[in-house]
Amino acid sequence: MMLVSNCTADDLHAVLDVLNKEMYEGNIRFKDIRPQGRQVRFTLTVNDSRGPGGRIGFGGRRVAAACWHVHGNFFDALFKVCPDAKVRAG
């Protein structure tokens, strides 16, 4: 779970749309996204664990979660849209 301040849920959706079109073939989605006070709480996941951006667990099995590359690309794009954003892992 991540908490972001200084941006909106609409900003996060716009960033996700760009990433899905440019890199992840529509495979990335929010598992959870909701306002929490003055912040937005969200979790990234995948539609298909075998698709682009799917994570492989420690035992070598596929996990229905977004890999760290997805998170890194997401935050790179987010800071271009919202340069004042502050991100916290929860």
PDB file of N, CA and C in Angstrom:
ATOM      1  N   MET A   1       0.839  -1.171   0.000  1.00  0.00           N
ATOM      2  CA  MET A   1       0.000   0.000   0.000  1.00  0.00           C
ATOM      3  C   MET A   1       0.892   1.244   0.000  1.00  0.00           C
ATOM      4  N   MET A   2       0.510   2.207  -0.796  1.00  0.00           N
ATOM      5  CA  MET A   2       1.234   3.477  -0.890  1.00  0.00           C
ATOM      6  C   MET A   2       0.287   4.615  -0.525  1.00  0.00           C
ATOM      7  N   LEU A   3       0.840   5.646   0.053  1.00  0.00           N
ATOM      8  CA  LEU A   3       0.113   6.879   0.343  1.00  0.00           C
ATOM      9  C   LEU A   3       0.796   8.015  -0.401  1.00  0.00           C
ATOM     10  N   VAL A   4       0.014   8.770  -1.153  1.00  0.00           N
ATOM     11  CA  VAL A   4       0.565   9.881  -1.923  1.00  0.00           C
ATOM     12  C   VAL A   4      -0.166  11.158  -1.547  1.00  0.00           C
ATOM     13  N   SER A   5       0.592  12.211  -1.329  1.00  0.00           N
ATOM     14  CA  SER A   5      -0.010  13.519  -1.082  1.00  0.00           C
ATOM     15  C   SER A   5       0.401  14.463  -2.203  1.00  0.00           C
ATOM     16  N   ASN A   6      -0.298  15.576  -2.314  1.00  0.00           N
ATOM     17  CA  ASN A   6      -0.062  16.617  -3.328  1.00  0.00           C
ATOM     18  C   ASN A   6      -0.407  16.165  -4.741  1.00  0.00           C
ATOM     19  N   CYS A   7      -1.302  15.217  -4.880  1.00  0.00           N
ATOM     20  CA  CYS A   7      -1.862  14.847  -6.180  1.00  0.00           C
ATOM     21  C   CYS A   7      -3.228  14.209  -5.941  1.00  0.00           C
ATOM     22  N   THR A   8      -3.956  13.986  -7.006  1.00  0.00           N
ATOM     23  CA  THR A   8      -5.321  13.464  -6.886  1.00  0.00           C
ATOM     24  C   THR A   8      -5.396  12.037  -7.432  1.00  0.00           C
ATOM     25  N   ALA A   9      -6.514  11.386  -7.157  1.00  0.00           N
ATOM     26  CA  ALA A   9      -6.759  10.056  -7.719  1.00  0.00           C
ATOM     27  C   ALA A   9      -6.815  10.133  -9.240  1.00  0.00           C
ATOM     28  N   ASP A  10      -7.340  11.234  -9.783  1.00  0.00           N
ATOM     29  CA  ASP A  10      -7.377  11.416 -11.239  1.00  0.00           C
ATOM     30  C   ASP A  10      -5.957  11.464 -11.817  1.00  0.00           C
ATOM     31  N   ASP A  11      -5.028  12.115 -11.115  1.00  0.00           N
ATOM     32  CA  ASP A  11      -3.627  12.134 -11.550  1.00  0.00           C
ATOM     33  C   ASP A  11      -3.058  10.722 -11.593  1.00  0.00           C
ATOM     34  N   LEU A  12      -3.342   9.935 -10.561  1.00  0.00           N
ATOM     35  CA  LEU A  12      -2.838   8.566 -10.504  1.00  0.00           C
ATOM     36  C   LEU A  12      -3.402   7.717 -11.641  1.00  0.00           C
ATOM     37  N   HIS A  13      -4.700   7.888 -11.924  1.00  0.00           N
ATOM     38  CA  HIS A  13      -5.313   7.151 -13.036  1.00  0.00           C
ATOM     39  C   HIS A  13      -4.685   7.558 -14.372  1.00  0.00           C
ATOM     40  N   ALA A  14      -4.391   8.837 -14.546  1.00  0.00           N
ATOM     41  CA  ALA A  14      -3.771   9.306 -15.790  1.00  0.00           C
ATOM     42  C   ALA A  14      -2.383   8.693 -15.962  1.00  0.00           C
ATOM     43  N   VAL A  15      -1.614   8.620 -14.894  1.00  0.00           N
ATOM     44  CA  VAL A  15      -0.280   8.013 -14.947  1.00  0.00           C
ATOM     45  C   VAL A  15      -0.397   6.535 -15.303  1.00  0.00           C
ATOM     46  N   LEU A  16      -1.319   5.840 -14.675  1.00  0.00           N
ATOM     47  CA  LEU A  16      -1.507   4.414 -14.947  1.00  0.00           C
ATOM     48  C   LEU A  16      -1.910   4.176 -16.403  1.00  0.00           C
ATOM     49  N   ASP A  17      -2.783   5.026 -16.933  1.00  0.00           N
ATOM     50  CA  ASP A  17      -3.193   4.898 -18.336  1.00  0.00           C
ATOM     51  C   ASP A  17      -2.000   5.021 -19.283  1.00  0.00           C
ATOM     52  N   VAL A  18      -1.136   5.977 -19.023  1.00  0.00           N
ATOM     53  CA  VAL A  18       0.050   6.171 -19.868  1.00  0.00           C
ATOM     54  C   VAL A  18       0.964   4.948 -19.796  1.00  0.00           C
ATOM     55  N   LEU A  19       1.229   4.452 -18.589  1.00  0.00           N
ATOM     56  CA  LEU A  19       2.099   3.281 -18.442  1.00  0.00           C
ATOM     57  C   LEU A  19       1.520   2.059 -19.145  1.00  0.00           C
ATOM     58  N   ASN A  20       0.219   1.864 -19.006  1.00  0.00           N
ATOM     59  CA  ASN A  20      -0.405   0.709 -19.649  1.00  0.00           C
ATOM     60  C   ASN A  20      -0.312   0.786 -21.164  1.00  0.00           C
ATOM     61  N   LYS A  21      -0.446   1.971 -21.711  1.00  0.00           N
ATOM     62  CA  LYS A  21      -0.365   2.133 -23.167  1.00  0.00           C
ATOM     63  C   LYS A  21       1.069   1.992 -23.670  1.00  0.00           C
ATOM     64  N   GLU A  22       2.020   2.562 -22.943  1.00  0.00           N
ATOM     65  CA  GLU A  22       3.401   2.615 -23.419  1.00  0.00           C
ATOM     66  C   GLU A  22       4.231   1.380 -23.083  1.00  0.00           C
ATOM     67  N   MET A  23       3.930   0.709 -21.965  1.00  0.00           N
ATOM     68  CA  MET A  23       4.860  -0.331 -21.505  1.00  0.00           C
ATOM     69  C   MET A  23       4.223  -1.668 -21.132  1.00  0.00           C
ATOM     70  N   TYR A  24       3.039  -1.670 -20.583  1.00  0.00           N
ATOM     71  CA  TYR A  24       2.535  -2.875 -19.926  1.00  0.00           C
ATOM     72  C   TYR A  24       1.285  -3.471 -20.568  1.00  0.00           C
ATOM     73  N   GLU A  25       0.964  -3.065 -21.771  1.00  0.00           N
ATOM     74  CA  GLU A  25      -0.105  -3.671 -22.561  1.00  0.00           C
ATOM     75  C   GLU A  25      -1.434  -3.786 -21.805  1.00  0.00           C
ATOM     76  N   GLY A  26      -1.723  -2.824 -20.958  1.00  0.00           N
ATOM     77  CA  GLY A  26      -2.991  -2.820 -20.225  1.00  0.00           C
ATOM     78  C   GLY A  26      -3.050  -3.812 -19.073  1.00  0.00           C
ATOM     79  N   ASN A  27      -1.933  -4.345 -18.647  1.00  0.00           N
ATOM     80  CA  ASN A  27      -1.928  -5.388 -17.624  1.00  0.00           C
ATOM     81  C   ASN A  27      -1.883  -4.851 -16.189  1.00  0.00           C
ATOM     82  N   ILE A  28      -1.590  -3.587 -15.997  1.00  0.00           N
ATOM     83  CA  ILE A  28      -1.466  -3.026 -14.651  1.00  0.00           C
ATOM     84  C   ILE A  28      -2.777  -2.356 -14.262  1.00  0.00           C
ATOM     85  N   ARG A  29      -3.158  -2.536 -12.999  1.00  0.00           N
ATOM     86  CA  ARG A  29      -4.370  -1.899 -12.487  1.00  0.00           C
ATOM     87  C   ARG A  29      -4.187  -1.584 -11.004  1.00  0.00           C
ATOM     88  N   PHE A  30      -5.113  -0.799 -10.488  1.00  0.00           N
ATOM     89  CA  PHE A  30      -5.134  -0.538  -9.054  1.00  0.00           C
ATOM     90  C   PHE A  30      -5.925  -1.643  -8.373  1.00  0.00           C
ATOM     91  N   LYS A  31      -5.340  -2.238  -7.367  1.00  0.00           N
ATOM     92  CA  LYS A  31      -6.078  -3.207  -6.554  1.00  0.00           C
ATOM     93  C   LYS A  31      -7.009  -2.446  -5.618  1.00  0.00           C
ATOM     94  N   ASP A  32      -6.527  -1.302  -5.191  1.00  0.00           N
ATOM     95  CA  ASP A  32      -7.266  -0.460  -4.255  1.00  0.00           C
ATOM     96  C   ASP A  32      -6.811   0.974  -4.494  1.00  0.00           C
ATOM     97  N   ILE A  33      -7.745   1.889  -4.579  1.00  0.00           N
ATOM     98  CA  ILE A  33      -7.399   3.306  -4.659  1.00  0.00           C
ATOM     99  C   ILE A  33      -8.520   4.088  -3.989  1.00  0.00           C
ATOM    100  N   ARG A  34      -8.153   4.907  -3.005  1.00  0.00           N
ATOM    101  CA  ARG A  34      -9.172   5.695  -2.299  1.00  0.00           C
ATOM    102  C   ARG A  34      -8.540   6.861  -1.557  1.00  0.00           C
ATOM    103  N   PRO A  35      -9.290   7.924  -1.438  1.00  0.00           N
ATOM    104  CA  PRO A  35      -8.807   9.052  -0.646  1.00  0.00           C
ATOM    105  C   PRO A  35      -8.711   8.646   0.822  1.00  0.00           C
ATOM    106  N   GLN A  36      -7.690   9.120   1.466  1.00  0.00           N
ATOM    107  CA  GLN A  36      -7.524   8.890   2.901  1.00  0.00           C
ATOM    108  C   GLN A  36      -7.069  10.205   3.509  1.00  0.00           C
ATOM    109  N   GLY A  37      -8.026  10.973   3.965  1.00  0.00           N
ATOM    110  CA  GLY A  37      -7.717  12.310   4.454  1.00  0.00           C
ATOM    111  C   GLY A  37      -7.285  13.189   3.295  1.00  0.00           C
ATOM    112  N   ARG A  38      -6.112  13.795   3.412  1.00  0.00           N
ATOM    113  CA  ARG A  38      -5.581  14.655   2.346  1.00  0.00           C
ATOM    114  C   ARG A  38      -4.657  13.891   1.409  1.00  0.00           C
ATOM    115  N   GLN A  39      -4.636  12.585   1.549  1.00  0.00           N
ATOM    116  CA  GLN A  39      -3.774  11.739   0.728  1.00  0.00           C
ATOM    117  C   GLN A  39      -4.622  10.767  -0.093  1.00  0.00           C
ATOM    118  N   VAL A  40      -3.962  10.063  -1.008  1.00  0.00           N
ATOM    119  CA  VAL A  40      -4.617   9.002  -1.761  1.00  0.00           C
ATOM    120  C   VAL A  40      -3.868   7.715  -1.465  1.00  0.00           C
ATOM    121  N   ARG A  41      -4.615   6.702  -1.083  1.00  0.00           N
ATOM    122  CA  ARG A  41      -4.048   5.393  -0.767  1.00  0.00           C
ATOM    123  C   ARG A  41      -4.268   4.479  -1.967  1.00  0.00           C
ATOM    124  N   PHE A  42      -3.231   3.722  -2.369  1.00  0.00           N
ATOM    125  CA  PHE A  42      -3.403   2.821  -3.501  1.00  0.00           C
ATOM    126  C   PHE A  42      -2.454   1.643  -3.440  1.00  0.00           C
ATOM    127  N   THR A  43      -2.810   0.611  -4.182  1.00  0.00           N
ATOM    128  CA  THR A  43      -1.990  -0.577  -4.360  1.00  0.00           C
ATOM    129  C   THR A  43      -2.008  -0.938  -5.830  1.00  0.00           C
ATOM    130  N   LEU A  44      -0.848  -1.219  -6.403  1.00  0.00           N
ATOM    131  CA  LEU A  44      -0.751  -1.647  -7.795  1.00  0.00           C
ATOM    132  C   LEU A  44      -0.739  -3.171  -7.873  1.00  0.00           C
ATOM    133  N   THR A  45      -1.416  -3.713  -8.878  1.00  0.00           N
ATOM    134  CA  THR A  45      -1.421  -5.147  -9.115  1.00  0.00           C
ATOM    135  C   THR A  45      -1.510  -5.396 -10.615  1.00  0.00           C
ATOM    136  N   VAL A  46      -1.657  -6.647 -11.010  1.00  0.00           N
ATOM    137  CA  VAL A  46      -1.731  -6.999 -12.426  1.00  0.00           C
ATOM    138  C   VAL A  46      -3.033  -7.746 -12.712  1.00  0.00           C
ATOM    139  N   ASN A  47      -3.473  -7.676 -13.952  1.00  0.00           N
ATOM    140  CA  ASN A  47      -4.632  -8.457 -14.385  1.00  0.00           C
ATOM    141  C   ASN A  47      -4.236  -9.912 -14.606  1.00  0.00           C
ATOM    142  N   ASP A  48      -3.055 -10.132 -15.177  1.00  0.00           N
ATOM    143  CA  ASP A  48      -2.568 -11.463 -15.512  1.00  0.00           C
ATOM    144  C   ASP A  48      -1.136 -11.603 -14.994  1.00  0.00           C
ATOM    145  N   SER A  49      -0.907 -12.535 -14.083  1.00  0.00           N
ATOM    146  CA  SER A  49       0.425 -12.681 -13.485  1.00  0.00           C
ATOM    147  C   SER A  49       1.476 -13.105 -14.504  1.00  0.00           C
ATOM    148  N   ARG A  50       1.069 -13.648 -15.640  1.00  0.00           N
ATOM    149  CA  ARG A  50       2.021 -14.039 -16.689  1.00  0.00           C
ATOM    150  C   ARG A  50       2.262 -12.913 -17.694  1.00  0.00           C
ATOM    151  N   GLY A  51       1.509 -11.844 -17.578  1.00  0.00           N
ATOM    152  CA  GLY A  51       1.659 -10.714 -18.490  1.00  0.00           C
ATOM    153  C   GLY A  51       2.782  -9.786 -18.065  1.00  0.00           C
ATOM    154  N   PRO A  52       3.007  -8.730 -18.861  1.00  0.00           N
ATOM    155  CA  PRO A  52       4.066  -7.773 -18.531  1.00  0.00           C
ATOM    156  C   PRO A  52       3.811  -7.091 -17.186  1.00  0.00           C
ATOM    157  N   GLY A  53       4.854  -7.025 -16.375  1.00  0.00           N
ATOM    158  CA  GLY A  53       4.749  -6.381 -15.074  1.00  0.00           C
ATOM    159  C   GLY A  53       4.380  -7.318 -13.948  1.00  0.00           C
ATOM    160  N   GLY A  54       4.149  -8.598 -14.254  1.00  0.00           N
ATOM    161  CA  GLY A  54       3.824  -9.575 -13.219  1.00  0.00           C
ATOM    162  C   GLY A  54       5.064  -9.923 -12.411  1.00  0.00           C
ATOM    163  N   ARG A  55       4.861 -10.246 -11.160  1.00  0.00           N
ATOM    164  CA  ARG A  55       5.969 -10.514 -10.253  1.00  0.00           C
ATOM    165  C   ARG A  55       6.197 -12.015 -10.093  1.00  0.00           C
ATOM    166  N   ILE A  56       7.433 -12.381  -9.905  1.00  0.00           N
ATOM    167  CA  ILE A  56       7.781 -13.760  -9.594  1.00  0.00           C
ATOM    168  C   ILE A  56       8.256 -13.791  -8.147  1.00  0.00           C
ATOM    169  N   GLY A  57       7.659 -14.657  -7.344  1.00  0.00           N
ATOM    170  CA  GLY A  57       7.988 -14.737  -5.926  1.00  0.00           C
ATOM    171  C   GLY A  57       9.318 -15.424  -5.669  1.00  0.00           C
ATOM    172  N   PHE A  58       9.705 -15.500  -4.404  1.00  0.00           N
ATOM    173  CA  PHE A  58      10.990 -16.073  -4.020  1.00  0.00           C
ATOM    174  C   PHE A  58      11.112 -17.541  -4.413  1.00  0.00           C
ATOM    175  N   GLY A  59      10.002 -18.258  -4.401  1.00  0.00           N
ATOM    176  CA  GLY A  59      10.031 -19.673  -4.756  1.00  0.00           C
ATOM    177  C   GLY A  59       9.966 -19.924  -6.252  1.00  0.00           C
ATOM    178  N   GLY A  60       9.938 -18.869  -7.063  1.00  0.00           N
ATOM    179  CA  GLY A  60       9.882 -19.005  -8.508  1.00  0.00           C
ATOM    180  C   GLY A  60       8.476 -19.045  -9.080  1.00  0.00           C
ATOM    181  N   ARG A  61       7.476 -18.982  -8.233  1.00  0.00           N
ATOM    182  CA  ARG A  61       6.087 -18.980  -8.701  1.00  0.00           C
ATOM    183  C   ARG A  61       5.635 -17.568  -9.020  1.00  0.00           C
ATOM    184  N   ARG A  62       4.716 -17.469  -9.939  1.00  0.00           N
ATOM    185  CA  ARG A  62       4.164 -16.157 -10.293  1.00  0.00           C
ATOM    186  C   ARG A  62       3.193 -15.696  -9.219  1.00  0.00           C
ATOM    187  N   VAL A  63       3.238 -14.404  -8.949  1.00  0.00           N
ATOM    188  CA  VAL A  63       2.416 -13.800  -7.906  1.00  0.00           C
ATOM    189  C   VAL A  63       1.516 -12.764  -8.559  1.00  0.00           C
ATOM    190  N   ALA A  64       0.262 -12.679  -8.134  1.00  0.00           N
ATOM    191  CA  ALA A  64      -0.663 -11.684  -8.676  1.00  0.00           C
ATOM    192  C   ALA A  64      -0.380 -10.327  -8.043  1.00  0.00           C
ATOM    193  N   ALA A  65       0.788  -9.778  -8.382  1.00  0.00           N
ATOM    194  CA  ALA A  65       1.217  -8.483  -7.859  1.00  0.00           C
ATOM    195  C   ALA A  65       2.105  -7.824  -8.903  1.00  0.00           C
ATOM    196  N   ALA A  66       2.233  -6.522  -8.816  1.00  0.00           N
ATOM    197  CA  ALA A  66       3.089  -5.778  -9.743  1.00  0.00           C
ATOM    198  C   ALA A  66       4.542  -5.859  -9.269  1.00  0.00           C
ATOM    199  N   CYS A  67       5.459  -6.054 -10.208  1.00  0.00           N
ATOM    200  CA  CYS A  67       6.880  -6.139  -9.864  1.00  0.00           C
ATOM    201  C   CYS A  67       7.429  -4.756  -9.506  1.00  0.00           C
ATOM    202  N   TRP A  68       8.660  -4.741  -9.022  1.00  0.00           N
ATOM    203  CA  TRP A  68       9.254  -3.471  -8.604  1.00  0.00           C
ATOM    204  C   TRP A  68       9.511  -2.556  -9.796  1.00  0.00           C
ATOM    205  N   HIS A  69       9.694  -3.133 -10.993  1.00  0.00           N
ATOM    206  CA  HIS A  69       9.865  -2.297 -12.188  1.00  0.00           C
ATOM    207  C   HIS A  69       8.620  -1.440 -12.432  1.00  0.00           C
ATOM    208  N   VAL A  70       7.465  -2.048 -12.255  1.00  0.00           N
ATOM    209  CA  VAL A  70       6.199  -1.326 -12.438  1.00  0.00           C
ATOM    210  C   VAL A  70       6.138  -0.155 -11.465  1.00  0.00           C
ATOM    211  N   HIS A  71       6.443  -0.423 -10.200  1.00  0.00           N
ATOM    212  CA  HIS A  71       6.390   0.643  -9.200  1.00  0.00           C
ATOM    213  C   HIS A  71       7.377   1.762  -9.538  1.00  0.00           C
ATOM    214  N   GLY A  72       8.581   1.396  -9.932  1.00  0.00           N
ATOM    215  CA  GLY A  72       9.577   2.414 -10.295  1.00  0.00           C
ATOM    216  C   GLY A  72       9.134   3.252 -11.474  1.00  0.00           C
ATOM    217  N   ASN A  73       8.621   2.600 -12.515  1.00  0.00           N
ATOM    218  CA  ASN A  73       8.124   3.334 -13.686  1.00  0.00           C
ATOM    219  C   ASN A  73       6.927   4.202 -13.326  1.00  0.00           C
ATOM    220  N   PHE A  74       6.068   3.685 -12.445  1.00  0.00           N
ATOM    221  CA  PHE A  74       4.897   4.450 -12.015  1.00  0.00           C
ATOM    222  C   PHE A  74       5.327   5.728 -11.306  1.00  0.00           C
ATOM    223  N   PHE A  75       6.276   5.612 -10.382  1.00  0.00           N
ATOM    224  CA  PHE A  75       6.698   6.796  -9.634  1.00  0.00           C
ATOM    225  C   PHE A  75       7.473   7.778 -10.501  1.00  0.00           C
ATOM    226  N   ASP A  76       8.283   7.289 -11.428  1.00  0.00           N
ATOM    227  CA  ASP A  76       8.957   8.183 -12.371  1.00  0.00           C
ATOM    228  C   ASP A  76       7.930   9.020 -13.133  1.00  0.00           C
ATOM    229  N   ALA A  77       6.890   8.370 -13.632  1.00  0.00           N
ATOM    230  CA  ALA A  77       5.844   9.073 -14.384  1.00  0.00           C
ATOM    231  C   ALA A  77       5.030   9.989 -13.475  1.00  0.00           C
ATOM    232  N   LEU A  78       4.762   9.537 -12.257  1.00  0.00           N
ATOM    233  CA  LEU A  78       3.979  10.349 -11.315  1.00  0.00           C
ATOM    234  C   LEU A  78       4.680  11.670 -11.018  1.00  0.00           C
ATOM    235  N   PHE A  79       5.993  11.633 -10.805  1.00  0.00           N
ATOM    236  CA  PHE A  79       6.712  12.860 -10.468  1.00  0.00           C
ATOM    237  C   PHE A  79       6.816  13.818 -11.658  1.00  0.00           C
ATOM    238  N   LYS A  80       6.617  13.320 -12.863  1.00  0.00           N
ATOM    239  CA  LYS A  80       6.543  14.215 -14.025  1.00  0.00           C
ATOM    240  C   LYS A  80       5.201  14.941 -14.045  1.00  0.00           C
ATOM    241  N   VAL A  81       4.140  14.249 -13.635  1.00  0.00           N
ATOM    242  CA  VAL A  81       2.796  14.846 -13.615  1.00  0.00           C
ATOM    243  C   VAL A  81       2.618  15.722 -12.379  1.00  0.00           C
ATOM    244  N   CYS A  82       3.100  15.238 -11.244  1.00  0.00           N
ATOM    245  CA  CYS A  82       2.961  15.946  -9.954  1.00  0.00           C
ATOM    246  C   CYS A  82       4.342  16.062  -9.294  1.00  0.00           C
ATOM    247  N   PRO A  83       5.133  17.056  -9.676  1.00  0.00           N
ATOM    248  CA  PRO A  83       6.501  17.155  -9.148  1.00  0.00           C
ATOM    249  C   PRO A  83       6.568  17.339  -7.634  1.00  0.00           C
ATOM    250  N   ASP A  84       5.491  17.830  -7.015  1.00  0.00           N
ATOM    251  CA  ASP A  84       5.490  18.044  -5.574  1.00  0.00           C
ATOM    252  C   ASP A  84       4.926  16.854  -4.794  1.00  0.00           C
ATOM    253  N   ALA A  85       4.641  15.763  -5.474  1.00  0.00           N
ATOM    254  CA  ALA A  85       4.059  14.588  -4.816  1.00  0.00           C
ATOM    255  C   ALA A  85       5.011  14.043  -3.761  1.00  0.00           C
ATOM    256  N   LYS A  86       4.418  13.549  -2.686  1.00  0.00           N
ATOM    257  CA  LYS A  86       5.180  12.883  -1.634  1.00  0.00           C
ATOM    258  C   LYS A  86       4.590  11.491  -1.470  1.00  0.00           C
ATOM    259  N   VAL A  87       5.464  10.475  -1.520  1.00  0.00           N
ATOM    260  CA  VAL A  87       5.026   9.082  -1.484  1.00  0.00           C
ATOM    261  C   VAL A  87       5.538   8.431  -0.215  1.00  0.00           C
ATOM    262  N   ARG A  88       4.650   7.676   0.412  1.00  0.00           N
ATOM    263  CA  ARG A  88       5.004   6.899   1.609  1.00  0.00           C
ATOM    264  C   ARG A  88       4.524   5.478   1.420  1.00  0.00           C
ATOM    265  N   ALA A  89       5.331   4.522   1.783  1.00  0.00           N
ATOM    266  CA  ALA A  89       4.879   3.125   1.804  1.00  0.00           C
ATOM    267  C   ALA A  89       4.177   2.908   3.146  1.00  0.00           C
ATOM    268  N   GLY A  90       3.040   2.243   3.089  1.00  0.00           N
ATOM    269  CA  GLY A  90       2.266   2.044   4.328  1.00  0.00           C
ATOM    270  C   GLY A  90       2.234   0.622   4.773  1.00  0.00           C
TER     271      GLY A  90
END
